[in-house]
Amino acid sequence: MLPLNLRALLIIGAFLAFIVVTRKVKKNNVLIEDAVFWVVISCVFVLLALFPGIAINIAFALGFVSPSNFIYLIIIVILLWKVFVNSSEISRLKSKVNELAQEIGLKSIDEKKDAK
């Protein structure tokens, strides 16, 4: 059985995440696609907390001793995946910034040559 305190923590954490995401969306501090990700994750955790049988059955089917360990592993995997996706996006954006800076530098040089 999933401990009651873990179930309460999942529900409280999910609702807090939902509130934070909603406020960030209203202030335009977060993209909608990121907000959808966090809202869906929050909903999944609420479902797992309200219906612990789902987590228990999956955990035992996969060979976990405790459903709590399964829940923690899922949380860690999701967060690691999100960090990886964010890192790859940051790398792509850094590359784009470098390209744009180089283009601006070349245009600046061309404009100086044309001015002479």
PDB file of N, CA and C in Angstrom:
ATOM      1  N   MET A   1       0.842  -1.182   0.000  1.00  0.00           N
ATOM      2  CA  MET A   1       0.000   0.000   0.000  1.00  0.00           C
ATOM      3  C   MET A   1       0.884   1.241   0.000  1.00  0.00           C
ATOM      4  N   LEU A   2       0.434   2.244  -0.661  1.00  0.00           N
ATOM      5  CA  LEU A   2       1.141   3.525  -0.704  1.00  0.00           C
ATOM      6  C   LEU A   2       0.868   4.251   0.609  1.00  0.00           C
ATOM      7  N   PRO A   3       1.932   4.682   1.293  1.00  0.00           N
ATOM      8  CA  PRO A   3       1.721   5.367   2.575  1.00  0.00           C
ATOM      9  C   PRO A   3       0.857   6.622   2.399  1.00  0.00           C
ATOM     10  N   LEU A   4       0.046   6.882   3.407  1.00  0.00           N
ATOM     11  CA  LEU A   4      -0.865   8.025   3.349  1.00  0.00           C
ATOM     12  C   LEU A   4      -0.105   9.342   3.218  1.00  0.00           C
ATOM     13  N   ASN A   5       1.043   9.442   3.907  1.00  0.00           N
ATOM     14  CA  ASN A   5       1.808  10.692   3.815  1.00  0.00           C
ATOM     15  C   ASN A   5       2.369  10.910   2.408  1.00  0.00           C
ATOM     16  N   LEU A   6       2.750   9.853   1.704  1.00  0.00           N
ATOM     17  CA  LEU A   6       3.216   9.986   0.321  1.00  0.00           C
ATOM     18  C   LEU A   6       2.056  10.386  -0.592  1.00  0.00           C
ATOM     19  N   ARG A   7       0.900   9.798  -0.358  1.00  0.00           N
ATOM     20  CA  ARG A   7      -0.278  10.165  -1.156  1.00  0.00           C
ATOM     21  C   ARG A   7      -0.629  11.634  -0.937  1.00  0.00           C
ATOM     22  N   ALA A   8      -0.602  12.078   0.312  1.00  0.00           N
ATOM     23  CA  ALA A   8      -0.896  13.489   0.610  1.00  0.00           C
ATOM     24  C   ALA A   8       0.160  14.396  -0.010  1.00  0.00           C
ATOM     25  N   LEU A   9       1.421  13.980   0.056  1.00  0.00           N
ATOM     26  CA  LEU A   9       2.501  14.772  -0.531  1.00  0.00           C
ATOM     27  C   LEU A   9       2.339  14.892  -2.045  1.00  0.00           C
ATOM     28  N   LEU A  10       1.944  13.812  -2.696  1.00  0.00           N
ATOM     29  CA  LEU A  10       1.714  13.851  -4.144  1.00  0.00           C
ATOM     30  C   LEU A  10       0.591  14.831  -4.504  1.00  0.00           C
ATOM     31  N   ILE A  11      -0.489  14.770  -3.757  1.00  0.00           N
ATOM     32  CA  ILE A  11      -1.632  15.658  -4.041  1.00  0.00           C
ATOM     33  C   ILE A  11      -1.266  17.113  -3.765  1.00  0.00           C
ATOM     34  N   ILE A  12      -0.665  17.377  -2.610  1.00  0.00           N
ATOM     35  CA  ILE A  12      -0.288  18.753  -2.264  1.00  0.00           C
ATOM     36  C   ILE A  12       0.735  19.286  -3.262  1.00  0.00           C
ATOM     37  N   GLY A  13       1.742  18.479  -3.579  1.00  0.00           N
ATOM     38  CA  GLY A  13       2.756  18.901  -4.554  1.00  0.00           C
ATOM     39  C   GLY A  13       2.166  19.175  -5.925  1.00  0.00           C
ATOM     40  N   ALA A  14       1.230  18.336  -6.339  1.00  0.00           N
ATOM     41  CA  ALA A  14       0.600  18.523  -7.639  1.00  0.00           C
ATOM     42  C   ALA A  14      -0.216  19.808  -7.672  1.00  0.00           C
ATOM     43  N   PHE A  15      -0.964  20.073  -6.637  1.00  0.00           N
ATOM     44  CA  PHE A  15      -1.759  21.301  -6.600  1.00  0.00           C
ATOM     45  C   PHE A  15      -0.882  22.546  -6.503  1.00  0.00           C
ATOM     46  N   LEU A  16       0.206  22.472  -5.737  1.00  0.00           N
ATOM     47  CA  LEU A  16       1.132  23.602  -5.670  1.00  0.00           C
ATOM     48  C   LEU A  16       1.779  23.859  -7.032  1.00  0.00           C
ATOM     49  N   ALA A  17       2.165  22.782  -7.703  1.00  0.00           N
ATOM     50  CA  ALA A  17       2.749  22.923  -9.045  1.00  0.00           C
ATOM     51  C   ALA A  17       1.740  23.542  -9.997  1.00  0.00           C
ATOM     52  N   PHE A  18       0.493  23.114  -9.902  1.00  0.00           N
ATOM     53  CA  PHE A  18      -0.551  23.669 -10.763  1.00  0.00           C
ATOM     54  C   PHE A  18      -0.734  25.168 -10.517  1.00  0.00           C
ATOM     55  N   ILE A  19      -0.727  25.570  -9.252  1.00  0.00           N
ATOM     56  CA  ILE A  19      -0.887  26.989  -8.911  1.00  0.00           C
ATOM     57  C   ILE A  19       0.296  27.804  -9.443  1.00  0.00           C
ATOM     58  N   VAL A  20       1.513  27.303  -9.231  1.00  0.00           N
ATOM     59  CA  VAL A  20       2.701  28.017  -9.699  1.00  0.00           C
ATOM     60  C   VAL A  20       2.694  28.140 -11.221  1.00  0.00           C
ATOM     61  N   VAL A  21       2.371  27.048 -11.909  1.00  0.00           N
ATOM     62  CA  VAL A  21       2.343  27.070 -13.376  1.00  0.00           C
ATOM     63  C   VAL A  21       1.285  28.044 -13.876  1.00  0.00           C
ATOM     64  N   THR A  22       0.123  28.036 -13.252  1.00  0.00           N
ATOM     65  CA  THR A  22      -0.955  28.945 -13.659  1.00  0.00           C
ATOM     66  C   THR A  22      -0.522  30.401 -13.495  1.00  0.00           C
ATOM     67  N   ARG A  23       0.114  30.728 -12.398  1.00  0.00           N
ATOM     68  CA  ARG A  23       0.583  32.105 -12.177  1.00  0.00           C
ATOM     69  C   ARG A  23       1.646  32.496 -13.197  1.00  0.00           C
ATOM     70  N   LYS A  24       2.551  31.570 -13.500  1.00  0.00           N
ATOM     71  CA  LYS A  24       3.609  31.866 -14.475  1.00  0.00           C
ATOM     72  C   LYS A  24       3.030  32.072 -15.870  1.00  0.00           C
ATOM     73  N   VAL A  25       2.014  31.308 -16.225  1.00  0.00           N
ATOM     74  CA  VAL A  25       1.382  31.468 -17.532  1.00  0.00           C
ATOM     75  C   VAL A  25       0.692  32.828 -17.606  1.00  0.00           C
ATOM     76  N   LYS A  26       0.012  33.212 -16.549  1.00  0.00           N
ATOM     77  CA  LYS A  26      -0.664  34.513 -16.530  1.00  0.00           C
ATOM     78  C   LYS A  26       0.319  35.663 -16.686  1.00  0.00           C
ATOM     79  N   LYS A  27       1.512  35.519 -16.134  1.00  0.00           N
ATOM     80  CA  LYS A  27       2.528  36.574 -16.228  1.00  0.00           C
ATOM     81  C   LYS A  27       3.384  36.431 -17.488  1.00  0.00           C
ATOM     82  N   ASN A  28       3.075  35.460 -18.329  1.00  0.00           N
ATOM     83  CA  ASN A  28       3.845  35.182 -19.547  1.00  0.00           C
ATOM     84  C   ASN A  28       5.308  34.848 -19.242  1.00  0.00           C
ATOM     85  N   ASN A  29       5.561  34.189 -18.125  1.00  0.00           N
ATOM     86  CA  ASN A  29       6.915  33.785 -17.760  1.00  0.00           C
ATOM     87  C   ASN A  29       7.250  32.368 -18.202  1.00  0.00           C
ATOM     88  N   VAL A  30       6.267  31.662 -18.728  1.00  0.00           N
ATOM     89  CA  VAL A  30       6.499  30.278 -19.145  1.00  0.00           C
ATOM     90  C   VAL A  30       5.722  30.025 -20.435  1.00  0.00           C
ATOM     91  N   LEU A  31       6.314  29.224 -21.297  1.00  0.00           N
ATOM     92  CA  LEU A  31       5.650  28.873 -22.546  1.00  0.00           C
ATOM     93  C   LEU A  31       4.500  27.908 -22.270  1.00  0.00           C
ATOM     94  N   ILE A  32       3.504  27.966 -23.121  1.00  0.00           N
ATOM     95  CA  ILE A  32       2.330  27.103 -22.956  1.00  0.00           C
ATOM     96  C   ILE A  32       2.728  25.630 -23.012  1.00  0.00           C
ATOM     97  N   GLU A  33       3.642  25.267 -23.919  1.00  0.00           N
ATOM     98  CA  GLU A  33       4.035  23.856 -24.031  1.00  0.00           C
ATOM     99  C   GLU A  33       4.683  23.355 -22.748  1.00  0.00           C
ATOM    100  N   ASP A  34       5.461  24.204 -22.068  1.00  0.00           N
ATOM    101  CA  ASP A  34       6.042  23.814 -20.779  1.00  0.00           C
ATOM    102  C   ASP A  34       4.971  23.731 -19.704  1.00  0.00           C
ATOM    103  N   ALA A  35       4.025  24.657 -19.748  1.00  0.00           N
ATOM    104  CA  ALA A  35       2.936  24.645 -18.777  1.00  0.00           C
ATOM    105  C   ALA A  35       2.100  23.378 -18.912  1.00  0.00           C
ATOM    106  N   VAL A  36       1.825  22.982 -20.150  1.00  0.00           N
ATOM    107  CA  VAL A  36       1.046  21.760 -20.387  1.00  0.00           C
ATOM    108  C   VAL A  36       1.782  20.556 -19.807  1.00  0.00           C
ATOM    109  N   PHE A  37       3.098  20.503 -19.998  1.00  0.00           N
ATOM    110  CA  PHE A  37       3.902  19.404 -19.450  1.00  0.00           C
ATOM    111  C   PHE A  37       3.701  19.295 -17.944  1.00  0.00           C
ATOM    112  N   TRP A  38       3.835  20.421 -17.240  1.00  0.00           N
ATOM    113  CA  TRP A  38       3.738  20.392 -15.783  1.00  0.00           C
ATOM    114  C   TRP A  38       2.319  20.106 -15.305  1.00  0.00           C
ATOM    115  N   VAL A  39       1.333  20.593 -16.011  1.00  0.00           N
ATOM    116  CA  VAL A  39      -0.059  20.312 -15.630  1.00  0.00           C
ATOM    117  C   VAL A  39      -0.364  18.828 -15.817  1.00  0.00           C
ATOM    118  N   VAL A  40       0.090  18.256 -16.914  1.00  0.00           N
ATOM    119  CA  VAL A  40      -0.139  16.816 -17.153  1.00  0.00           C
ATOM    120  C   VAL A  40       0.562  15.984 -16.083  1.00  0.00           C
ATOM    121  N   ILE A  41       1.797  16.337 -15.758  1.00  0.00           N
ATOM    122  CA  ILE A  41       2.527  15.612 -14.716  1.00  0.00           C
ATOM    123  C   ILE A  41       1.795  15.733 -13.380  1.00  0.00           C
ATOM    124  N   SER A  42       1.301  16.911 -13.074  1.00  0.00           N
ATOM    125  CA  SER A  42       0.549  17.102 -11.831  1.00  0.00           C
ATOM    126  C   SER A  42      -0.689  16.215 -11.804  1.00  0.00           C
ATOM    127  N   CYS A  43      -1.400  16.157 -12.917  1.00  0.00           N
ATOM    128  CA  CYS A  43      -2.603  15.321 -13.003  1.00  0.00           C
ATOM    129  C   CYS A  43      -2.267  13.841 -12.819  1.00  0.00           C
ATOM    130  N   VAL A  44      -1.157  13.413 -13.393  1.00  0.00           N
ATOM    131  CA  VAL A  44      -0.738  12.011 -13.238  1.00  0.00           C
ATOM    132  C   VAL A  44      -0.461  11.706 -11.770  1.00  0.00           C
ATOM    133  N   PHE A  45       0.218  12.616 -11.077  1.00  0.00           N
ATOM    134  CA  PHE A  45       0.518  12.377  -9.670  1.00  0.00           C
ATOM    135  C   PHE A  45      -0.735  12.393  -8.800  1.00  0.00           C
ATOM    136  N   VAL A  46      -1.694  13.231  -9.134  1.00  0.00           N
ATOM    137  CA  VAL A  46      -2.965  13.225  -8.407  1.00  0.00           C
ATOM    138  C   VAL A  46      -3.670  11.892  -8.627  1.00  0.00           C
ATOM    139  N   LEU A  47      -3.672  11.406  -9.871  1.00  0.00           N
ATOM    140  CA  LEU A  47      -4.281  10.099 -10.160  1.00  0.00           C
ATOM    141  C   LEU A  47      -3.610   8.980  -9.369  1.00  0.00           C
ATOM    142  N   LEU A  48      -2.267   9.010  -9.341  1.00  0.00           N
ATOM    143  CA  LEU A  48      -1.549   7.972  -8.590  1.00  0.00           C
ATOM    144  C   LEU A  48      -1.835   8.062  -7.095  1.00  0.00           C
ATOM    145  N   ALA A  49      -2.030   9.271  -6.604  1.00  0.00           N
ATOM    146  CA  ALA A  49      -2.329   9.428  -5.178  1.00  0.00           C
ATOM    147  C   ALA A  49      -3.757   9.000  -4.851  1.00  0.00           C
ATOM    148  N   LEU A  50      -4.696   9.322  -5.740  1.00  0.00           N
ATOM    149  CA  LEU A  50      -6.098   8.973  -5.493  1.00  0.00           C
ATOM    150  C   LEU A  50      -6.385   7.493  -5.740  1.00  0.00           C
ATOM    151  N   PHE A  51      -5.677   6.922  -6.708  1.00  0.00           N
ATOM    152  CA  PHE A  51      -5.860   5.505  -7.039  1.00  0.00           C
ATOM    153  C   PHE A  51      -4.516   4.785  -6.907  1.00  0.00           C
ATOM    154  N   PRO A  52      -4.091   4.519  -5.681  1.00  0.00           N
ATOM    155  CA  PRO A  52      -2.767   3.928  -5.469  1.00  0.00           C
ATOM    156  C   PRO A  52      -2.626   2.517  -6.043  1.00  0.00           C
ATOM    157  N   GLY A  53      -3.727   1.878  -6.333  1.00  0.00           N
ATOM    158  CA  GLY A  53      -3.666   0.534  -6.919  1.00  0.00           C
ATOM    159  C   GLY A  53      -2.919   0.508  -8.238  1.00  0.00           C
ATOM    160  N   ILE A  54      -3.022   1.607  -8.988  1.00  0.00           N
ATOM    161  CA  ILE A  54      -2.305   1.691 -10.269  1.00  0.00           C
ATOM    162  C   ILE A  54      -0.809   1.590 -10.023  1.00  0.00           C
ATOM    163  N   ALA A  55      -0.299   2.414  -9.124  1.00  0.00           N
ATOM    164  CA  ALA A  55       1.136   2.418  -8.823  1.00  0.00           C
ATOM    165  C   ALA A  55       1.566   1.096  -8.197  1.00  0.00           C
ATOM    166  N   ILE A  56       0.728   0.561  -7.333  1.00  0.00           N
ATOM    167  CA  ILE A  56       1.070  -0.698  -6.654  1.00  0.00           C
ATOM    168  C   ILE A  56       1.189  -1.839  -7.663  1.00  0.00           C
ATOM    169  N   ASN A  57       0.211  -1.954  -8.549  1.00  0.00           N
ATOM    170  CA  ASN A  57       0.239  -3.034  -9.542  1.00  0.00           C
ATOM    171  C   ASN A  57       1.424  -2.907 -10.495  1.00  0.00           C
ATOM    172  N   ILE A  58       1.675  -1.693 -10.971  1.00  0.00           N
ATOM    173  CA  ILE A  58       2.808  -1.493 -11.885  1.00  0.00           C
ATOM    174  C   ILE A  58       4.126  -1.757 -11.166  1.00  0.00           C
ATOM    175  N   ALA A  59       4.244  -1.273  -9.931  1.00  0.00           N
ATOM    176  CA  ALA A  59       5.481  -1.456  -9.166  1.00  0.00           C
ATOM    177  C   ALA A  59       5.782  -2.932  -8.959  1.00  0.00           C
ATOM    178  N   PHE A  60       4.784  -3.693  -8.546  1.00  0.00           N
ATOM    179  CA  PHE A  60       5.030  -5.118  -8.309  1.00  0.00           C
ATOM    180  C   PHE A  60       5.237  -5.882  -9.609  1.00  0.00           C
ATOM    181  N   ALA A  61       4.591  -5.456 -10.681  1.00  0.00           N
ATOM    182  CA  ALA A  61       4.799  -6.093 -11.984  1.00  0.00           C
ATOM    183  C   ALA A  61       6.224  -5.872 -12.488  1.00  0.00           C
ATOM    184  N   LEU A  62       6.794  -4.717 -12.146  1.00  0.00           N
ATOM    185  CA  LEU A  62       8.164  -4.411 -12.568  1.00  0.00           C
ATOM    186  C   LEU A  62       9.213  -4.896 -11.574  1.00  0.00           C
ATOM    187  N   GLY A  63       8.768  -5.456 -10.459  1.00  0.00           N
ATOM    188  CA  GLY A  63       9.695  -6.036  -9.489  1.00  0.00           C
ATOM    189  C   GLY A  63      10.157  -5.102  -8.389  1.00  0.00           C
ATOM    190  N   PHE A  64       9.489  -3.996  -8.185  1.00  0.00           N
ATOM    191  CA  PHE A  64       9.840  -3.101  -7.090  1.00  0.00           C
ATOM    192  C   PHE A  64       9.328  -3.681  -5.783  1.00  0.00           C
ATOM    193  N   VAL A  65      10.092  -3.508  -4.732  1.00  0.00           N
ATOM    194  CA  VAL A  65       9.693  -4.000  -3.421  1.00  0.00           C
ATOM    195  C   VAL A  65       8.601  -3.109  -2.850  1.00  0.00           C
ATOM    196  N   SER A  66       8.724  -1.809  -3.109  1.00  0.00           N
ATOM    197  CA  SER A  66       7.787  -0.851  -2.541  1.00  0.00           C
ATOM    198  C   SER A  66       7.257   0.070  -3.632  1.00  0.00           C
ATOM    199  N   PRO A  67       5.959   0.334  -3.633  1.00  0.00           N
ATOM    200  CA  PRO A  67       5.404   1.290  -4.598  1.00  0.00           C
ATOM    201  C   PRO A  67       5.995   2.698  -4.435  1.00  0.00           C
ATOM    202  N   SER A  68       6.397   3.036  -3.218  1.00  0.00           N
ATOM    203  CA  SER A  68       7.020   4.340  -2.981  1.00  0.00           C
ATOM    204  C   SER A  68       8.309   4.482  -3.787  1.00  0.00           C
ATOM    205  N   ASN A  69       9.091   3.421  -3.832  1.00  0.00           N
ATOM    206  CA  ASN A  69      10.322   3.450  -4.622  1.00  0.00           C
ATOM    207  C   ASN A  69      10.004   3.662  -6.098  1.00  0.00           C
ATOM    208  N   PHE A  70       8.950   3.026  -6.561  1.00  0.00           N
ATOM    209  CA  PHE A  70       8.523   3.186  -7.949  1.00  0.00           C
ATOM    210  C   PHE A  70       8.137   4.636  -8.232  1.00  0.00           C
ATOM    211  N   ILE A  71       7.358   5.239  -7.337  1.00  0.00           N
ATOM    212  CA  ILE A  71       6.928   6.633  -7.507  1.00  0.00           C
ATOM    213  C   ILE A  71       8.150   7.556  -7.536  1.00  0.00           C
ATOM    214  N   TYR A  72       9.078   7.356  -6.603  1.00  0.00           N
ATOM    215  CA  TYR A  72      10.273   8.196  -6.569  1.00  0.00           C
ATOM    216  C   TYR A  72      11.108   8.029  -7.842  1.00  0.00           C
ATOM    217  N   LEU A  73      11.220   6.799  -8.314  1.00  0.00           N
ATOM    218  CA  LEU A  73      11.961   6.562  -9.546  1.00  0.00           C
ATOM    219  C   LEU A  73      11.297   7.268 -10.726  1.00  0.00           C
ATOM    220  N   ILE A  74       9.987   7.200 -10.807  1.00  0.00           N
ATOM    221  CA  ILE A  74       9.256   7.873 -11.886  1.00  0.00           C
ATOM    222  C   ILE A  74       9.508   9.383 -11.827  1.00  0.00           C
ATOM    223  N   ILE A  75       9.445   9.949 -10.632  1.00  0.00           N
ATOM    224  CA  ILE A  75       9.689  11.386 -10.471  1.00  0.00           C
ATOM    225  C   ILE A  75      11.101  11.741 -10.920  1.00  0.00           C
ATOM    226  N   ILE A  76      12.076  10.961 -10.502  1.00  0.00           N
ATOM    227  CA  ILE A  76      13.468  11.217 -10.879  1.00  0.00           C
ATOM    228  C   ILE A  76      13.652  11.114 -12.387  1.00  0.00           C
ATOM    229  N   VAL A  77      13.082  10.083 -12.993  1.00  0.00           N
ATOM    230  CA  VAL A  77      13.217   9.905 -14.444  1.00  0.00           C
ATOM    231  C   VAL A  77      12.578  11.063 -15.197  1.00  0.00           C
ATOM    232  N   ILE A  78      11.397  11.478 -14.772  1.00  0.00           N
ATOM    233  CA  ILE A  78      10.713  12.600 -15.438  1.00  0.00           C
ATOM    234  C   ILE A  78      11.547  13.872 -15.324  1.00  0.00           C
ATOM    235  N   LEU A  79      12.068  14.146 -14.152  1.00  0.00           N
ATOM    236  CA  LEU A  79      12.868  15.355 -13.957  1.00  0.00           C
ATOM    237  C   LEU A  79      14.172  15.301 -14.747  1.00  0.00           C
ATOM    238  N   LEU A  80      14.808  14.138 -14.784  1.00  0.00           N
ATOM    239  CA  LEU A  80      16.025  14.001 -15.579  1.00  0.00           C
ATOM    240  C   LEU A  80      15.734  14.197 -17.063  1.00  0.00           C
ATOM    241  N   TRP A  81      14.608  13.663 -17.529  1.00  0.00           N
ATOM    242  CA  TRP A  81      14.230  13.848 -18.932  1.00  0.00           C
ATOM    243  C   TRP A  81      14.000  15.329 -19.229  1.00  0.00           C
ATOM    244  N   LYS A  82      13.313  16.015 -18.326  1.00  0.00           N
ATOM    245  CA  LYS A  82      13.042  17.444 -18.523  1.00  0.00           C
ATOM    246  C   LYS A  82      14.341  18.239 -18.525  1.00  0.00           C
ATOM    247  N   VAL A  83      15.283  17.897 -17.653  1.00  0.00           N
ATOM    248  CA  VAL A  83      16.579  18.568 -17.627  1.00  0.00           C
ATOM    249  C   VAL A  83      17.311  18.340 -18.946  1.00  0.00           C
ATOM    250  N   PHE A  84      17.267  17.118 -19.454  1.00  0.00           N
ATOM    251  CA  PHE A  84      17.922  16.816 -20.738  1.00  0.00           C
ATOM    252  C   PHE A  84      17.299  17.621 -21.870  1.00  0.00           C
ATOM    253  N   VAL A  85      15.980  17.659 -21.929  1.00  0.00           N
ATOM    254  CA  VAL A  85      15.288  18.416 -22.981  1.00  0.00           C
ATOM    255  C   VAL A  85      15.640  19.897 -22.875  1.00  0.00           C
ATOM    256  N   ASN A  86      15.636  20.427 -21.664  1.00  0.00           N
ATOM    257  CA  ASN A  86      15.991  21.833 -21.469  1.00  0.00           C
ATOM    258  C   ASN A  86      17.447  22.099 -21.856  1.00  0.00           C
ATOM    259  N   SER A  87      18.342  21.186 -21.518  1.00  0.00           N
ATOM    260  CA  SER A  87      19.754  21.355 -21.871  1.00  0.00           C
ATOM    261  C   SER A  87      19.950  21.371 -23.376  1.00  0.00           C
ATOM    262  N   SER A  88      19.260  20.475 -24.064  1.00  0.00           N
ATOM    263  CA  SER A  88      19.401  20.452 -25.520  1.00  0.00           C
ATOM    264  C   SER A  88      18.818  21.723 -26.135  1.00  0.00           C
ATOM    265  N   GLU A  89      17.730  22.228 -25.590  1.00  0.00           N
ATOM    266  CA  GLU A  89      17.139  23.478 -26.080  1.00  0.00           C
ATOM    267  C   GLU A  89      18.067  24.660 -25.815  1.00  0.00           C
ATOM    268  N   ILE A  90      18.683  24.687 -24.651  1.00  0.00           N
ATOM    269  CA  ILE A  90      19.636  25.751 -24.323  1.00  0.00           C
ATOM    270  C   ILE A  90      20.831  25.696 -25.275  1.00  0.00           C
ATOM    271  N   SER A  91      21.329  24.510 -25.554  1.00  0.00           N
ATOM    272  CA  SER A  91      22.446  24.367 -26.491  1.00  0.00           C
ATOM    273  C   SER A  91      22.068  24.879 -27.871  1.00  0.00           C
ATOM    274  N   ARG A  92      20.878  24.535 -28.320  1.00  0.00           N
ATOM    275  CA  ARG A  92      20.414  24.989 -29.623  1.00  0.00           C
ATOM    276  C   ARG A  92      20.300  26.513 -29.653  1.00  0.00           C
ATOM    277  N   LEU A  93      19.769  27.086 -28.582  1.00  0.00           N
ATOM    278  CA  LEU A  93      19.612  28.534 -28.525  1.00  0.00           C
ATOM    279  C   LEU A  93      20.966  29.252 -28.444  1.00  0.00           C
ATOM    280  N   LYS A  94      21.931  28.679 -27.713  1.00  0.00           N
ATOM    281  CA  LYS A  94      23.274  29.266 -27.666  1.00  0.00           C
ATOM    282  C   LYS A  94      23.898  29.286 -29.052  1.00  0.00           C
ATOM    283  N   SER A  95      23.726  28.203 -29.771  1.00  0.00           N
ATOM    284  CA  SER A  95      24.248  28.127 -31.130  1.00  0.00           C
ATOM    285  C   SER A  95      23.599  29.190 -32.014  1.00  0.00           C
ATOM    286  N   LYS A  96      22.309  29.352 -31.883  1.00  0.00           N
ATOM    287  CA  LYS A  96      21.575  30.350 -32.662  1.00  0.00           C
ATOM    288  C   LYS A  96      22.033  31.766 -32.309  1.00  0.00           C
ATOM    289  N   VAL A  97      22.261  32.044 -31.025  1.00  0.00           N
ATOM    290  CA  VAL A  97      22.749  33.358 -30.592  1.00  0.00           C
ATOM    291  C   VAL A  97      24.123  33.631 -31.207  1.00  0.00           C
ATOM    292  N   ASN A  98      25.001  32.622 -31.213  1.00  0.00           N
ATOM    293  CA  ASN A  98      26.319  32.799 -31.823  1.00  0.00           C
ATOM    294  C   ASN A  98      26.200  33.098 -33.313  1.00  0.00           C
ATOM    295  N   GLU A  99      25.330  32.360 -34.008  1.00  0.00           N
ATOM    296  CA  GLU A  99      25.102  32.607 -35.437  1.00  0.00           C
ATOM    297  C   GLU A  99      24.628  34.039 -35.673  1.00  0.00           C
ATOM    298  N   LEU A 100      23.645  34.464 -34.890  1.00  0.00           N
ATOM    299  CA  LEU A 100      23.101  35.811 -35.053  1.00  0.00           C
ATOM    300  C   LEU A 100      24.148  36.879 -34.745  1.00  0.00           C
ATOM    301  N   ALA A 101      24.960  36.666 -33.726  1.00  0.00           N
ATOM    302  CA  ALA A 101      26.011  37.625 -33.381  1.00  0.00           C
ATOM    303  C   ALA A 101      27.024  37.722 -34.521  1.00  0.00           C
ATOM    304  N   GLN A 102      27.358  36.590 -35.123  1.00  0.00           N
ATOM    305  CA  GLN A 102      28.285  36.600 -36.251  1.00  0.00           C
ATOM    306  C   GLN A 102      27.685  37.319 -37.452  1.00  0.00           C
ATOM    307  N   GLU A 103      26.409  37.083 -37.717  1.00  0.00           N
ATOM    308  CA  GLU A 103      25.745  37.776 -38.825  1.00  0.00           C
ATOM    309  C   GLU A 103      25.728  39.286 -38.594  1.00  0.00           C
ATOM    310  N   ILE A 104      25.414  39.702 -37.381  1.00  0.00           N
ATOM    311  CA  ILE A 104      25.392  41.133 -37.061  1.00  0.00           C
ATOM    312  C   ILE A 104      26.790  41.728 -37.211  1.00  0.00           C
ATOM    313  N   GLY A 105      27.800  40.992 -36.753  1.00  0.00           N
ATOM    314  CA  GLY A 105      29.178  41.458 -36.900  1.00  0.00           C
ATOM    315  C   GLY A 105      29.566  41.617 -38.361  1.00  0.00           C
ATOM    316  N   LEU A 106      29.207  40.652 -39.207  1.00  0.00           N
ATOM    317  CA  LEU A 106      29.516  40.741 -40.637  1.00  0.00           C
ATOM    318  C   LEU A 106      28.773  41.890 -41.301  1.00  0.00           C
ATOM    319  N   LYS A 107      27.515  42.092 -40.937  1.00  0.00           N
ATOM    320  CA  LYS A 107      26.747  43.206 -41.496  1.00  0.00           C
ATOM    321  C   LYS A 107      27.358  44.541 -41.073  1.00  0.00           C
ATOM    322  N   SER A 108      27.826  44.609 -39.845  1.00  0.00           N
ATOM    323  CA  SER A 108      28.447  45.825 -39.344  1.00  0.00           C
ATOM    324  C   SER A 108      29.719  46.132 -40.133  1.00  0.00           C
ATOM    325  N   ILE A 109      30.508  45.097 -40.415  1.00  0.00           N
ATOM    326  CA  ILE A 109      31.739  45.279 -41.199  1.00  0.00           C
ATOM    327  C   ILE A 109      31.398  45.734 -42.615  1.00  0.00           C
ATOM    328  N   ASP A 110      30.380  45.101 -43.233  1.00  0.00           N
ATOM    329  CA  ASP A 110      29.959  45.480 -44.581  1.00  0.00           C
ATOM    330  C   ASP A 110      29.477  46.921 -44.623  1.00  0.00           C
ATOM    331  N   GLU A 111      28.738  47.343 -43.618  1.00  0.00           N
ATOM    332  CA  GLU A 111      28.224  48.717 -43.572  1.00  0.00           C
ATOM    333  C   GLU A 111      29.357  49.729 -43.442  1.00  0.00           C
ATOM    334  N   LYS A 112      30.389  49.358 -42.676  1.00  0.00           N
ATOM    335  CA  LYS A 112      31.541  50.251 -42.518  1.00  0.00           C
ATOM    336  C   LYS A 112      32.304  50.366 -43.835  1.00  0.00           C
ATOM    337  N   LYS A 113      32.419  49.254 -44.567  1.00  0.00           N
ATOM    338  CA  LYS A 113      33.091  49.272 -45.864  1.00  0.00           C
ATOM    339  C   LYS A 113      32.294  50.124 -46.862  1.00  0.00           C
ATOM    340  N   ASP A 114      30.974  49.988 -46.850  1.00  0.00           N
ATOM    341  CA  ASP A 114      30.126  50.752 -47.759  1.00  0.00           C
ATOM    342  C   ASP A 114      30.159  52.238 -47.430  1.00  0.00           C
ATOM    343  N   ALA A 115      30.312  52.587 -46.172  1.00  0.00           N
ATOM    344  CA  ALA A 115      30.325  53.985 -45.754  1.00  0.00           C
ATOM    345  C   ALA A 115      31.595  54.700 -46.227  1.00  0.00           C
ATOM    346  N   LYS A 116      32.671  53.946 -46.406  1.00  0.00           N
ATOM    347  CA  LYS A 116      33.952  54.536 -46.819  1.00  0.00           C
ATOM    348  C   LYS A 116      33.961  54.742 -48.270  1.00  0.00           C
TER     349      LYS A 116
END
